[in-house]
Amino acid sequence: MEVFKTWETNPTIKTVTCTHTDAAKFTVADKLTVGKQYEVKNETEEFIFVIDNSGKVGGYYKTYFE
């Protein structure tokens, strides 16, 4: 079974706060809100996987959060 398929129901690792949505290549302002806290479901060196504004798990660069 692929691990990513159960991320939405996995326990939250921690919460992070979005600090900006200024993206060079991709539009993230429709998925993240500055100042809002998000539940982290998985994390790598470069990315954080959170339940975003769509209600689904999305992967974002760590630079968007504190």
C-alpha atoms as a PDB file:
ATOM      1  CA  MET A   1       0.000   0.000   0.000  1.00  0.00           C
ATOM      2  CA  GLU A   2       1.316   3.444  -0.860  1.00  0.00           C
ATOM      3  CA  VAL A   3       1.960   5.458   2.295  1.00  0.00           C
ATOM      4  CA  PHE A   4       0.745   8.759   0.783  1.00  0.00           C
ATOM      5  CA  LYS A   5      -2.779   7.359   0.443  1.00  0.00           C
ATOM      6  CA  THR A   6      -3.240   7.350   4.241  1.00  0.00           C
ATOM      7  CA  TRP A   7      -1.677  10.746   5.054  1.00  0.00           C
ATOM      8  CA  GLU A   8      -5.050  12.471   5.492  1.00  0.00           C
ATOM      9  CA  THR A   9      -6.021  10.072   8.274  1.00  0.00           C
ATOM     10  CA  ASN A  10      -2.566   9.783   9.868  1.00  0.00           C
ATOM     11  CA  PRO A  11      -1.951  11.581  13.167  1.00  0.00           C
ATOM     12  CA  THR A  12      -0.730  15.163  12.860  1.00  0.00           C
ATOM     13  CA  ILE A  13       3.055  15.452  13.349  1.00  0.00           C
ATOM     14  CA  LYS A  14       2.930  19.165  14.276  1.00  0.00           C
ATOM     15  CA  THR A  15       1.281  22.389  13.183  1.00  0.00           C
ATOM     16  CA  VAL A  16       2.933  25.150  11.173  1.00  0.00           C
ATOM     17  CA  THR A  17       1.879  28.687  10.272  1.00  0.00           C
ATOM     18  CA  CYS A  18       1.963  29.979   6.699  1.00  0.00           C
ATOM     19  CA  THR A  19       4.150  33.097   6.524  1.00  0.00           C
ATOM     20  CA  HIS A  20       3.785  34.019   2.821  1.00  0.00           C
ATOM     21  CA  THR A  21       2.416  32.854  -0.516  1.00  0.00           C
ATOM     22  CA  ASP A  22       4.956  34.597  -2.765  1.00  0.00           C
ATOM     23  CA  ALA A  23       5.867  31.848  -5.211  1.00  0.00           C
ATOM     24  CA  ALA A  24       8.258  32.244  -8.142  1.00  0.00           C
ATOM     25  CA  LYS A  25       6.827  29.487 -10.331  1.00  0.00           C
ATOM     26  CA  PHE A  26       3.533  28.232  -8.929  1.00  0.00           C
ATOM     27  CA  THR A  27       0.380  29.848  -7.553  1.00  0.00           C
ATOM     28  CA  VAL A  28      -0.142  28.803  -3.957  1.00  0.00           C
ATOM     29  CA  ALA A  29      -2.352  31.643  -2.698  1.00  0.00           C
ATOM     30  CA  ASP A  30      -5.499  29.639  -3.528  1.00  0.00           C
ATOM     31  CA  LYS A  31      -4.259  26.684  -1.412  1.00  0.00           C
ATOM     32  CA  LEU A  32      -2.529  28.465   1.497  1.00  0.00           C
ATOM     33  CA  THR A  33      -3.569  31.469   3.609  1.00  0.00           C
ATOM     34  CA  VAL A  34      -0.995  33.701   5.290  1.00  0.00           C
ATOM     35  CA  GLY A  35      -1.325  33.496   9.080  1.00  0.00           C
ATOM     36  CA  LYS A  36      -3.328  30.262   9.046  1.00  0.00           C
ATOM     37  CA  GLN A  37      -2.083  27.172  10.873  1.00  0.00           C
ATOM     38  CA  TYR A  38      -1.869  23.864   9.008  1.00  0.00           C
ATOM     39  CA  GLU A  39      -1.553  20.280  10.221  1.00  0.00           C
ATOM     40  CA  VAL A  40       1.661  18.606   9.060  1.00  0.00           C
ATOM     41  CA  LYS A  41       1.056  15.027   7.925  1.00  0.00           C
ATOM     42  CA  ASN A  42       4.532  14.269   6.535  1.00  0.00           C
ATOM     43  CA  GLU A  43       7.847  16.064   6.107  1.00  0.00           C
ATOM     44  CA  THR A  44      11.037  15.710   4.059  1.00  0.00           C
ATOM     45  CA  GLU A  45      14.191  17.799   3.965  1.00  0.00           C
ATOM     46  CA  GLU A  46      12.695  20.179   1.406  1.00  0.00           C
ATOM     47  CA  PHE A  47       8.908  19.795   1.644  1.00  0.00           C
ATOM     48  CA  ILE A  48       6.099  19.836   4.191  1.00  0.00           C
ATOM     49  CA  PHE A  49       2.888  17.959   3.432  1.00  0.00           C
ATOM     50  CA  VAL A  50      -0.125  19.662   5.017  1.00  0.00           C
ATOM     51  CA  ILE A  51      -3.886  19.569   4.734  1.00  0.00           C
ATOM     52  CA  ASP A  52      -4.320  22.751   2.701  1.00  0.00           C
ATOM     53  CA  ASN A  53      -7.358  24.948   1.973  1.00  0.00           C
ATOM     54  CA  SER A  54      -8.732  22.329  -0.428  1.00  0.00           C
ATOM     55  CA  GLY A  55      -9.052  19.863   2.466  1.00  0.00           C
ATOM     56  CA  LYS A  56      -6.549  17.497   0.870  1.00  0.00           C
ATOM     57  CA  VAL A  57      -2.864  16.870   1.522  1.00  0.00           C
ATOM     58  CA  GLY A  58      -0.558  19.069  -0.540  1.00  0.00           C
ATOM     59  CA  GLY A  59       3.231  19.285  -0.606  1.00  0.00           C
ATOM     60  CA  TYR A  60       4.863  22.716  -0.272  1.00  0.00           C
ATOM     61  CA  TYR A  61       8.367  24.066   0.164  1.00  0.00           C
ATOM     62  CA  LYS A  62       9.224  24.638   3.820  1.00  0.00           C
ATOM     63  CA  THR A  63       9.927  28.298   3.055  1.00  0.00           C
ATOM     64  CA  TYR A  64       6.180  29.050   3.164  1.00  0.00           C
ATOM     65  CA  PHE A  65       5.944  28.133   6.854  1.00  0.00           C
ATOM     66  CA  GLU A  66       7.409  28.812  10.253  1.00  0.00           C
END
